[in-house]
N, C-alpha and C. Protein backbone atom coordinates (compact mmCIF):
# COMPACT_ATOMS: atom_id res chain seq x y z
N UNK A 1 -5.87 -35.94 -95.45
CA UNK A 1 -6.42 -37.25 -95.72
C UNK A 1 -6.68 -37.40 -97.21
N UNK A 2 -6.16 -38.43 -97.79
CA UNK A 2 -6.48 -38.75 -99.18
C UNK A 2 -7.86 -39.38 -99.22
N UNK A 3 -8.67 -38.98 -100.19
CA UNK A 3 -10.05 -39.45 -100.24
C UNK A 3 -10.22 -40.60 -101.21
N UNK A 4 -10.46 -41.77 -100.66
CA UNK A 4 -10.89 -42.90 -101.47
C UNK A 4 -12.34 -43.23 -101.16
N UNK A 5 -13.04 -42.29 -100.54
CA UNK A 5 -14.37 -42.54 -100.01
C UNK A 5 -15.42 -41.60 -100.57
N UNK A 6 -15.13 -40.88 -101.67
CA UNK A 6 -16.11 -39.97 -102.23
C UNK A 6 -17.34 -40.76 -102.61
N UNK A 7 -18.45 -40.45 -101.97
CA UNK A 7 -19.68 -41.20 -102.19
C UNK A 7 -20.19 -40.98 -103.60
N UNK A 8 -20.51 -39.72 -103.93
CA UNK A 8 -21.05 -39.42 -105.26
C UNK A 8 -20.74 -37.98 -105.63
N UNK A 9 -20.52 -37.76 -106.92
CA UNK A 9 -20.28 -36.42 -107.46
C UNK A 9 -21.01 -36.34 -108.79
N UNK A 10 -21.93 -35.39 -108.91
CA UNK A 10 -22.66 -35.18 -110.16
C UNK A 10 -22.35 -33.78 -110.67
N UNK A 11 -22.12 -33.67 -111.97
CA UNK A 11 -21.86 -32.40 -112.63
C UNK A 11 -22.85 -32.23 -113.77
N UNK A 12 -23.24 -31.00 -114.04
CA UNK A 12 -24.12 -30.76 -115.17
C UNK A 12 -24.23 -29.28 -115.48
N UNK A 13 -24.89 -29.02 -116.59
CA UNK A 13 -25.18 -27.64 -116.99
C UNK A 13 -26.64 -27.56 -117.41
N UNK A 14 -27.14 -26.34 -117.44
CA UNK A 14 -28.50 -26.11 -117.92
C UNK A 14 -28.59 -24.70 -118.47
N UNK A 15 -29.73 -24.38 -119.04
CA UNK A 15 -29.96 -23.06 -119.65
C UNK A 15 -28.87 -22.73 -120.66
N UNK A 16 -28.70 -23.64 -121.64
CA UNK A 16 -27.69 -23.47 -122.70
C UNK A 16 -26.30 -23.24 -122.14
N UNK A 17 -25.93 -24.01 -121.15
CA UNK A 17 -24.61 -23.94 -120.50
C UNK A 17 -24.37 -22.64 -119.73
N UNK A 18 -25.41 -21.88 -119.47
CA UNK A 18 -25.27 -20.64 -118.69
C UNK A 18 -25.12 -20.94 -117.20
N UNK A 19 -25.67 -22.06 -116.77
CA UNK A 19 -25.64 -22.44 -115.36
C UNK A 19 -24.96 -23.79 -115.23
N UNK A 20 -23.98 -23.86 -114.35
CA UNK A 20 -23.27 -25.10 -114.07
C UNK A 20 -23.62 -25.52 -112.66
N UNK A 21 -23.87 -26.81 -112.45
CA UNK A 21 -24.20 -27.28 -111.12
C UNK A 21 -23.33 -28.47 -110.72
N UNK A 22 -23.15 -28.60 -109.41
CA UNK A 22 -22.38 -29.69 -108.83
C UNK A 22 -23.16 -30.19 -107.62
N UNK A 23 -23.33 -31.49 -107.53
CA UNK A 23 -23.96 -32.09 -106.36
C UNK A 23 -22.98 -33.11 -105.79
N UNK A 24 -22.73 -33.01 -104.50
CA UNK A 24 -21.83 -33.92 -103.81
C UNK A 24 -22.57 -34.66 -102.70
N UNK A 25 -22.26 -35.92 -102.54
CA UNK A 25 -22.65 -36.67 -101.35
C UNK A 25 -21.34 -37.16 -100.76
N UNK A 26 -20.98 -36.63 -99.61
CA UNK A 26 -19.67 -36.95 -99.02
C UNK A 26 -19.80 -37.59 -97.64
N UNK A 27 -20.89 -38.27 -97.39
CA UNK A 27 -21.12 -38.86 -96.07
C UNK A 27 -19.97 -39.77 -95.65
N UNK A 28 -19.56 -40.68 -96.51
CA UNK A 28 -18.48 -41.61 -96.18
C UNK A 28 -17.14 -40.88 -96.07
N UNK A 29 -16.88 -39.96 -97.00
CA UNK A 29 -15.60 -39.23 -96.99
C UNK A 29 -15.43 -38.42 -95.72
N UNK A 30 -16.48 -37.72 -95.33
CA UNK A 30 -16.40 -36.90 -94.11
C UNK A 30 -16.33 -37.80 -92.88
N UNK A 31 -17.06 -38.89 -92.90
CA UNK A 31 -16.98 -39.85 -91.79
C UNK A 31 -15.58 -40.41 -91.62
N UNK A 32 -14.93 -40.72 -92.73
CA UNK A 32 -13.56 -41.23 -92.68
C UNK A 32 -12.60 -40.15 -92.18
N UNK A 33 -12.78 -38.91 -92.62
CA UNK A 33 -11.93 -37.81 -92.15
C UNK A 33 -12.11 -37.62 -90.64
N UNK A 34 -13.35 -37.66 -90.17
CA UNK A 34 -13.63 -37.50 -88.74
C UNK A 34 -12.96 -38.61 -87.93
N UNK A 35 -13.02 -39.81 -88.45
CA UNK A 35 -12.41 -40.96 -87.76
C UNK A 35 -10.89 -40.82 -87.71
N UNK A 36 -10.28 -40.48 -88.83
CA UNK A 36 -8.82 -40.37 -88.89
C UNK A 36 -8.28 -39.23 -88.04
N UNK A 37 -9.00 -38.10 -88.05
CA UNK A 37 -8.53 -36.92 -87.31
C UNK A 37 -9.13 -36.82 -85.92
N UNK A 38 -10.04 -37.74 -85.59
CA UNK A 38 -10.70 -37.77 -84.29
C UNK A 38 -11.31 -36.41 -83.94
N UNK A 39 -12.11 -35.88 -84.85
CA UNK A 39 -12.70 -34.56 -84.68
C UNK A 39 -14.01 -34.62 -83.90
N UNK A 40 -14.29 -33.53 -83.21
CA UNK A 40 -15.58 -33.35 -82.55
C UNK A 40 -16.63 -33.04 -83.62
N UNK A 41 -17.92 -33.08 -83.28
CA UNK A 41 -18.94 -32.78 -84.29
C UNK A 41 -18.78 -31.41 -84.97
N UNK A 42 -18.47 -30.36 -84.22
CA UNK A 42 -18.34 -29.04 -84.84
C UNK A 42 -17.10 -28.98 -85.74
N UNK A 43 -16.02 -29.61 -85.34
CA UNK A 43 -14.82 -29.65 -86.19
C UNK A 43 -15.08 -30.49 -87.43
N UNK A 44 -15.83 -31.57 -87.28
CA UNK A 44 -16.20 -32.42 -88.43
C UNK A 44 -17.04 -31.63 -89.42
N UNK A 45 -18.00 -30.86 -88.92
CA UNK A 45 -18.85 -30.06 -89.81
C UNK A 45 -18.02 -29.05 -90.59
N UNK A 46 -17.12 -28.35 -89.93
CA UNK A 46 -16.28 -27.36 -90.62
C UNK A 46 -15.39 -28.04 -91.65
N UNK A 47 -14.75 -29.13 -91.27
CA UNK A 47 -13.87 -29.85 -92.19
C UNK A 47 -14.65 -30.40 -93.38
N UNK A 48 -15.78 -31.02 -93.13
CA UNK A 48 -16.59 -31.57 -94.21
C UNK A 48 -17.08 -30.51 -95.18
N UNK A 49 -17.52 -29.39 -94.66
CA UNK A 49 -17.99 -28.30 -95.53
C UNK A 49 -16.86 -27.77 -96.39
N UNK A 50 -15.67 -27.60 -95.80
CA UNK A 50 -14.55 -27.06 -96.58
C UNK A 50 -14.06 -28.08 -97.60
N UNK A 51 -14.05 -29.37 -97.24
CA UNK A 51 -13.68 -30.40 -98.21
C UNK A 51 -14.65 -30.39 -99.39
N UNK A 52 -15.93 -30.27 -99.11
CA UNK A 52 -16.92 -30.20 -100.18
C UNK A 52 -16.73 -28.98 -101.06
N UNK A 53 -16.47 -27.83 -100.43
CA UNK A 53 -16.24 -26.60 -101.19
C UNK A 53 -15.03 -26.74 -102.10
N UNK A 54 -13.97 -27.40 -101.61
CA UNK A 54 -12.78 -27.57 -102.44
C UNK A 54 -13.07 -28.45 -103.65
N UNK A 55 -13.90 -29.47 -103.48
CA UNK A 55 -14.25 -30.32 -104.62
C UNK A 55 -15.17 -29.60 -105.60
N UNK A 56 -16.05 -28.76 -105.10
CA UNK A 56 -16.91 -27.98 -106.00
C UNK A 56 -16.05 -27.10 -106.89
N UNK A 57 -15.08 -26.39 -106.32
CA UNK A 57 -14.21 -25.54 -107.14
C UNK A 57 -13.31 -26.38 -108.04
N UNK A 58 -12.78 -27.48 -107.54
CA UNK A 58 -11.88 -28.32 -108.34
C UNK A 58 -12.60 -29.00 -109.50
N UNK A 59 -13.91 -29.17 -109.40
CA UNK A 59 -14.65 -29.87 -110.46
C UNK A 59 -14.62 -29.12 -111.78
N UNK A 60 -14.29 -27.84 -111.77
CA UNK A 60 -14.23 -27.06 -113.01
C UNK A 60 -12.80 -26.96 -113.55
N UNK A 61 -11.87 -27.62 -112.89
CA UNK A 61 -10.47 -27.53 -113.29
C UNK A 61 -10.08 -28.71 -114.18
N UNK A 62 -8.91 -28.58 -114.80
CA UNK A 62 -8.40 -29.63 -115.67
C UNK A 62 -7.70 -30.70 -114.84
N UNK A 63 -7.52 -31.87 -115.46
CA UNK A 63 -6.83 -32.98 -114.80
C UNK A 63 -5.48 -32.51 -114.28
N UNK A 64 -5.07 -33.02 -113.14
CA UNK A 64 -3.81 -32.67 -112.47
C UNK A 64 -3.79 -31.27 -111.88
N UNK A 65 -4.94 -30.61 -111.81
CA UNK A 65 -5.02 -29.31 -111.16
C UNK A 65 -5.74 -29.47 -109.83
N UNK A 66 -5.50 -28.52 -108.94
CA UNK A 66 -6.09 -28.63 -107.60
C UNK A 66 -6.40 -27.24 -107.05
N UNK A 67 -7.21 -27.23 -106.02
CA UNK A 67 -7.52 -26.00 -105.31
C UNK A 67 -7.33 -26.25 -103.82
N UNK A 68 -6.68 -25.30 -103.16
CA UNK A 68 -6.49 -25.35 -101.71
C UNK A 68 -7.30 -24.24 -101.08
N UNK A 69 -8.15 -24.60 -100.14
CA UNK A 69 -8.95 -23.62 -99.40
C UNK A 69 -8.44 -23.57 -97.97
N UNK A 70 -8.28 -22.34 -97.47
CA UNK A 70 -7.84 -22.17 -96.08
C UNK A 70 -8.76 -21.18 -95.38
N UNK A 71 -9.33 -21.62 -94.28
CA UNK A 71 -10.08 -20.73 -93.40
C UNK A 71 -9.13 -20.36 -92.27
N UNK A 72 -8.68 -19.12 -92.30
CA UNK A 72 -7.72 -18.65 -91.30
C UNK A 72 -8.46 -17.77 -90.31
N UNK A 73 -9.24 -18.40 -89.46
CA UNK A 73 -10.07 -17.67 -88.51
C UNK A 73 -9.44 -17.62 -87.13
N UNK A 74 -9.95 -16.68 -86.32
CA UNK A 74 -9.45 -16.53 -84.96
C UNK A 74 -10.28 -17.33 -83.95
N UNK A 75 -11.16 -18.19 -84.45
CA UNK A 75 -11.96 -19.04 -83.57
C UNK A 75 -11.15 -20.20 -83.01
N UNK A 76 -11.74 -20.97 -82.12
CA UNK A 76 -11.01 -22.05 -81.46
C UNK A 76 -10.52 -23.18 -82.37
N UNK A 77 -11.07 -23.31 -83.58
CA UNK A 77 -10.56 -24.34 -84.50
C UNK A 77 -9.14 -24.04 -84.94
N UNK A 78 -8.74 -22.76 -84.92
CA UNK A 78 -7.37 -22.39 -85.26
C UNK A 78 -7.04 -22.49 -86.73
N UNK A 79 -8.00 -22.75 -87.58
CA UNK A 79 -7.79 -22.85 -89.01
C UNK A 79 -8.20 -24.20 -89.55
N UNK A 80 -8.71 -24.19 -90.77
CA UNK A 80 -9.14 -25.40 -91.46
C UNK A 80 -8.59 -25.33 -92.88
N UNK A 81 -8.08 -26.44 -93.38
CA UNK A 81 -7.51 -26.50 -94.73
C UNK A 81 -8.11 -27.70 -95.46
N UNK A 82 -8.43 -27.51 -96.74
CA UNK A 82 -8.88 -28.61 -97.59
C UNK A 82 -8.27 -28.45 -98.97
N UNK A 83 -7.85 -29.55 -99.56
CA UNK A 83 -7.28 -29.56 -100.91
C UNK A 83 -8.10 -30.51 -101.75
N UNK A 84 -8.73 -29.96 -102.79
CA UNK A 84 -9.52 -30.76 -103.70
C UNK A 84 -8.86 -30.83 -105.06
N UNK A 85 -8.85 -32.00 -105.65
CA UNK A 85 -8.25 -32.21 -106.97
C UNK A 85 -9.34 -32.44 -108.00
N UNK A 86 -9.05 -32.07 -109.23
CA UNK A 86 -10.00 -32.27 -110.33
C UNK A 86 -10.38 -33.74 -110.46
N UNK A 87 -9.51 -34.63 -110.04
CA UNK A 87 -9.77 -36.07 -110.09
C UNK A 87 -10.81 -36.53 -109.07
N UNK A 88 -11.17 -35.65 -108.13
CA UNK A 88 -12.11 -36.02 -107.08
C UNK A 88 -11.44 -36.37 -105.77
N UNK A 89 -10.12 -36.40 -105.77
CA UNK A 89 -9.38 -36.67 -104.55
C UNK A 89 -9.45 -35.44 -103.64
N UNK A 90 -9.58 -35.67 -102.34
CA UNK A 90 -9.67 -34.55 -101.40
C UNK A 90 -8.99 -34.94 -100.10
N UNK A 91 -8.39 -33.96 -99.46
CA UNK A 91 -7.84 -34.16 -98.13
C UNK A 91 -7.99 -32.86 -97.36
N UNK A 92 -7.90 -32.96 -96.06
CA UNK A 92 -8.05 -31.76 -95.26
C UNK A 92 -7.70 -32.02 -93.82
N UNK A 93 -7.60 -30.93 -93.07
CA UNK A 93 -7.35 -31.06 -91.64
C UNK A 93 -7.84 -29.82 -90.91
N UNK A 94 -8.03 -30.01 -89.62
CA UNK A 94 -8.41 -28.94 -88.70
C UNK A 94 -7.26 -28.80 -87.71
N UNK A 95 -6.81 -27.59 -87.49
CA UNK A 95 -5.68 -27.39 -86.58
C UNK A 95 -6.01 -27.88 -85.16
N UNK A 96 -7.20 -27.58 -84.68
CA UNK A 96 -7.62 -27.98 -83.32
C UNK A 96 -8.86 -28.86 -83.43
N UNK A 97 -8.70 -30.16 -83.65
CA UNK A 97 -9.84 -31.04 -83.93
C UNK A 97 -10.74 -31.36 -82.73
N UNK A 98 -10.31 -31.01 -81.52
CA UNK A 98 -11.08 -31.38 -80.33
C UNK A 98 -11.96 -30.26 -79.79
N UNK A 99 -12.13 -29.19 -80.56
CA UNK A 99 -12.98 -28.07 -80.13
C UNK A 99 -14.41 -28.56 -79.94
N UNK A 100 -14.99 -28.20 -78.81
CA UNK A 100 -16.37 -28.57 -78.52
C UNK A 100 -17.09 -27.33 -78.03
N UNK A 101 -18.13 -26.93 -78.72
CA UNK A 101 -18.90 -25.73 -78.37
C UNK A 101 -20.36 -26.10 -78.16
N UNK A 102 -21.08 -25.30 -77.38
CA UNK A 102 -22.52 -25.53 -77.27
C UNK A 102 -23.21 -25.23 -78.60
N UNK A 103 -24.40 -25.78 -78.79
CA UNK A 103 -25.17 -25.49 -80.00
C UNK A 103 -25.51 -24.01 -80.05
N UNK A 104 -25.71 -23.48 -81.26
CA UNK A 104 -26.06 -22.06 -81.40
C UNK A 104 -27.53 -21.84 -81.05
N UNK A 105 -28.01 -20.61 -81.20
CA UNK A 105 -29.38 -20.25 -80.82
C UNK A 105 -30.43 -21.03 -81.60
N UNK A 106 -30.08 -21.52 -82.79
CA UNK A 106 -31.01 -22.31 -83.61
C UNK A 106 -30.92 -23.80 -83.31
N UNK A 107 -30.10 -24.16 -82.33
CA UNK A 107 -29.95 -25.57 -81.97
C UNK A 107 -29.05 -26.34 -82.91
N UNK A 108 -28.21 -25.64 -83.67
CA UNK A 108 -27.31 -26.26 -84.66
C UNK A 108 -25.86 -26.17 -84.18
N UNK A 109 -25.00 -26.96 -84.81
CA UNK A 109 -23.57 -26.86 -84.53
C UNK A 109 -23.10 -25.44 -84.83
N UNK A 110 -22.32 -24.86 -83.95
CA UNK A 110 -21.90 -23.47 -84.10
C UNK A 110 -20.58 -23.37 -84.86
N UNK A 111 -20.65 -23.69 -86.15
CA UNK A 111 -19.46 -23.66 -87.00
C UNK A 111 -18.93 -22.23 -87.10
N UNK A 112 -19.81 -21.24 -87.19
CA UNK A 112 -19.37 -19.84 -87.30
C UNK A 112 -18.52 -19.45 -86.10
N UNK A 113 -18.95 -19.78 -84.91
CA UNK A 113 -18.19 -19.46 -83.70
C UNK A 113 -16.87 -20.22 -83.67
N UNK A 114 -16.89 -21.47 -84.11
CA UNK A 114 -15.67 -22.29 -84.12
C UNK A 114 -14.64 -21.74 -85.09
N UNK A 115 -15.10 -21.21 -86.24
CA UNK A 115 -14.20 -20.65 -87.25
C UNK A 115 -13.73 -19.26 -86.84
N UNK A 116 -14.66 -18.40 -86.44
CA UNK A 116 -14.32 -17.04 -86.04
C UNK A 116 -14.16 -16.11 -87.23
N UNK A 117 -13.54 -14.97 -87.00
CA UNK A 117 -13.29 -13.96 -88.03
C UNK A 117 -11.89 -14.17 -88.59
N UNK A 118 -11.69 -13.69 -89.81
CA UNK A 118 -10.37 -13.81 -90.42
C UNK A 118 -10.45 -13.80 -91.93
N UNK A 119 -9.66 -14.65 -92.56
CA UNK A 119 -9.57 -14.68 -94.02
C UNK A 119 -9.92 -16.05 -94.59
N UNK A 120 -10.53 -16.00 -95.76
CA UNK A 120 -10.82 -17.19 -96.56
C UNK A 120 -9.90 -17.10 -97.77
N UNK A 121 -8.95 -18.03 -97.87
CA UNK A 121 -7.92 -17.98 -98.91
C UNK A 121 -8.12 -19.14 -99.87
N UNK A 122 -8.13 -18.82 -101.17
CA UNK A 122 -8.29 -19.83 -102.22
C UNK A 122 -7.06 -19.79 -103.10
N UNK A 123 -6.40 -20.93 -103.23
CA UNK A 123 -5.23 -21.04 -104.11
C UNK A 123 -5.52 -22.09 -105.15
N UNK A 124 -5.52 -21.67 -106.41
CA UNK A 124 -5.73 -22.60 -107.53
C UNK A 124 -4.38 -22.94 -108.13
N UNK A 125 -4.03 -24.23 -108.12
CA UNK A 125 -2.80 -24.71 -108.74
C UNK A 125 -3.15 -25.16 -110.15
N UNK A 126 -2.61 -24.45 -111.12
CA UNK A 126 -2.97 -24.67 -112.52
C UNK A 126 -1.79 -25.29 -113.26
N UNK A 127 -2.08 -26.16 -114.21
CA UNK A 127 -1.04 -26.80 -115.01
C UNK A 127 -0.14 -25.75 -115.64
N UNK A 128 1.13 -26.08 -115.78
CA UNK A 128 2.08 -25.16 -116.37
C UNK A 128 2.77 -24.29 -115.34
N UNK A 129 2.54 -24.57 -114.06
CA UNK A 129 3.24 -23.84 -113.02
C UNK A 129 2.59 -22.55 -112.58
N UNK A 130 1.58 -22.10 -113.30
CA UNK A 130 0.91 -20.88 -112.90
C UNK A 130 -0.12 -21.19 -111.83
N UNK A 131 -0.48 -20.18 -111.10
CA UNK A 131 -1.50 -20.36 -110.08
C UNK A 131 -2.21 -19.05 -109.84
N UNK A 132 -3.19 -19.12 -108.98
CA UNK A 132 -3.98 -17.95 -108.65
C UNK A 132 -4.33 -18.04 -107.17
N UNK A 133 -4.15 -16.96 -106.45
CA UNK A 133 -4.55 -16.91 -105.05
C UNK A 133 -5.49 -15.73 -104.86
N UNK A 134 -6.62 -16.00 -104.24
CA UNK A 134 -7.58 -14.96 -103.91
C UNK A 134 -7.89 -15.02 -102.42
N UNK A 135 -8.03 -13.86 -101.81
CA UNK A 135 -8.32 -13.78 -100.39
C UNK A 135 -9.48 -12.83 -100.16
N UNK A 136 -10.44 -13.28 -99.37
CA UNK A 136 -11.58 -12.43 -98.98
C UNK A 136 -11.78 -12.60 -97.48
N UNK A 137 -12.45 -11.64 -96.85
CA UNK A 137 -12.74 -11.80 -95.43
C UNK A 137 -13.74 -12.94 -95.21
N UNK A 138 -13.62 -13.60 -94.08
CA UNK A 138 -14.65 -14.55 -93.67
C UNK A 138 -15.88 -13.72 -93.33
N UNK A 139 -17.00 -13.97 -94.01
CA UNK A 139 -18.20 -13.16 -93.78
C UNK A 139 -19.15 -13.79 -92.77
N UNK A 140 -19.13 -15.11 -92.64
CA UNK A 140 -20.04 -15.74 -91.67
C UNK A 140 -19.37 -16.86 -90.88
N UNK A 141 -18.39 -17.50 -91.45
CA UNK A 141 -17.78 -18.67 -90.81
C UNK A 141 -18.56 -19.95 -91.04
N UNK A 142 -19.71 -19.84 -91.71
CA UNK A 142 -20.53 -21.03 -92.00
C UNK A 142 -20.04 -21.76 -93.25
N UNK A 143 -19.08 -21.25 -93.94
CA UNK A 143 -18.35 -21.81 -95.07
C UNK A 143 -19.10 -21.68 -96.39
N UNK A 144 -20.35 -22.07 -96.49
CA UNK A 144 -21.09 -21.91 -97.75
C UNK A 144 -21.19 -20.43 -98.11
N UNK A 145 -21.56 -19.60 -97.14
CA UNK A 145 -21.67 -18.16 -97.39
C UNK A 145 -20.30 -17.56 -97.72
N UNK A 146 -19.26 -18.08 -97.10
CA UNK A 146 -17.91 -17.58 -97.37
C UNK A 146 -17.46 -17.96 -98.78
N UNK A 147 -17.83 -19.15 -99.23
CA UNK A 147 -17.52 -19.57 -100.60
C UNK A 147 -18.25 -18.68 -101.60
N UNK A 148 -19.53 -18.43 -101.37
CA UNK A 148 -20.30 -17.56 -102.26
C UNK A 148 -19.70 -16.16 -102.29
N UNK A 149 -19.33 -15.64 -101.13
CA UNK A 149 -18.71 -14.31 -101.06
C UNK A 149 -17.41 -14.28 -101.88
N UNK A 150 -16.61 -15.33 -101.76
CA UNK A 150 -15.38 -15.42 -102.56
C UNK A 150 -15.70 -15.41 -104.05
N UNK A 151 -16.65 -16.25 -104.47
CA UNK A 151 -16.98 -16.34 -105.89
C UNK A 151 -17.49 -15.00 -106.43
N UNK A 152 -18.30 -14.31 -105.66
CA UNK A 152 -18.86 -13.03 -106.11
C UNK A 152 -17.82 -11.91 -106.14
N UNK A 153 -16.92 -11.89 -105.17
CA UNK A 153 -16.00 -10.76 -105.04
C UNK A 153 -14.60 -11.00 -105.59
N UNK A 154 -14.14 -12.22 -105.59
CA UNK A 154 -12.79 -12.48 -106.06
C UNK A 154 -12.79 -12.99 -107.50
N UNK A 155 -13.73 -13.85 -107.83
CA UNK A 155 -13.80 -14.37 -109.20
C UNK A 155 -14.84 -13.64 -110.03
N UNK A 156 -15.59 -12.75 -109.41
CA UNK A 156 -16.61 -11.93 -110.07
C UNK A 156 -17.56 -12.75 -110.94
N UNK A 157 -18.11 -13.80 -110.36
CA UNK A 157 -19.07 -14.63 -111.09
C UNK A 157 -20.41 -13.93 -111.07
């Protein structure tokens, strides 16, 4: 899905540029993705989180560059893909959008169960034809923790 619905994106730095921050509000974008792909709530949560993660990584890239995130899990979603562009454009899909699971023990959508175990793959498409691909294990399936694990272990931030 091409994103013409990005609600808000804020970028900034602090502590003499030692810390970079990104804040996204993607309520409309994720709602539009859910509508187009007819996803269940748990599939929508996984897709929305991965779309947001792709834009967070893409926000540090140059114009015309993009990042593709793939959750290749053995859970019932069958895989989730999101492509974020430095321009703020984003698209994504869930292989099995109709997955419906009971809430987890905390009463929340069970995104971890829906994703399952497997690999979190990050491909950065960089201007000039070069690229970078990093792969780490899915550590939780909740996506935020998997992104942090990737950043710590693959990009050594």
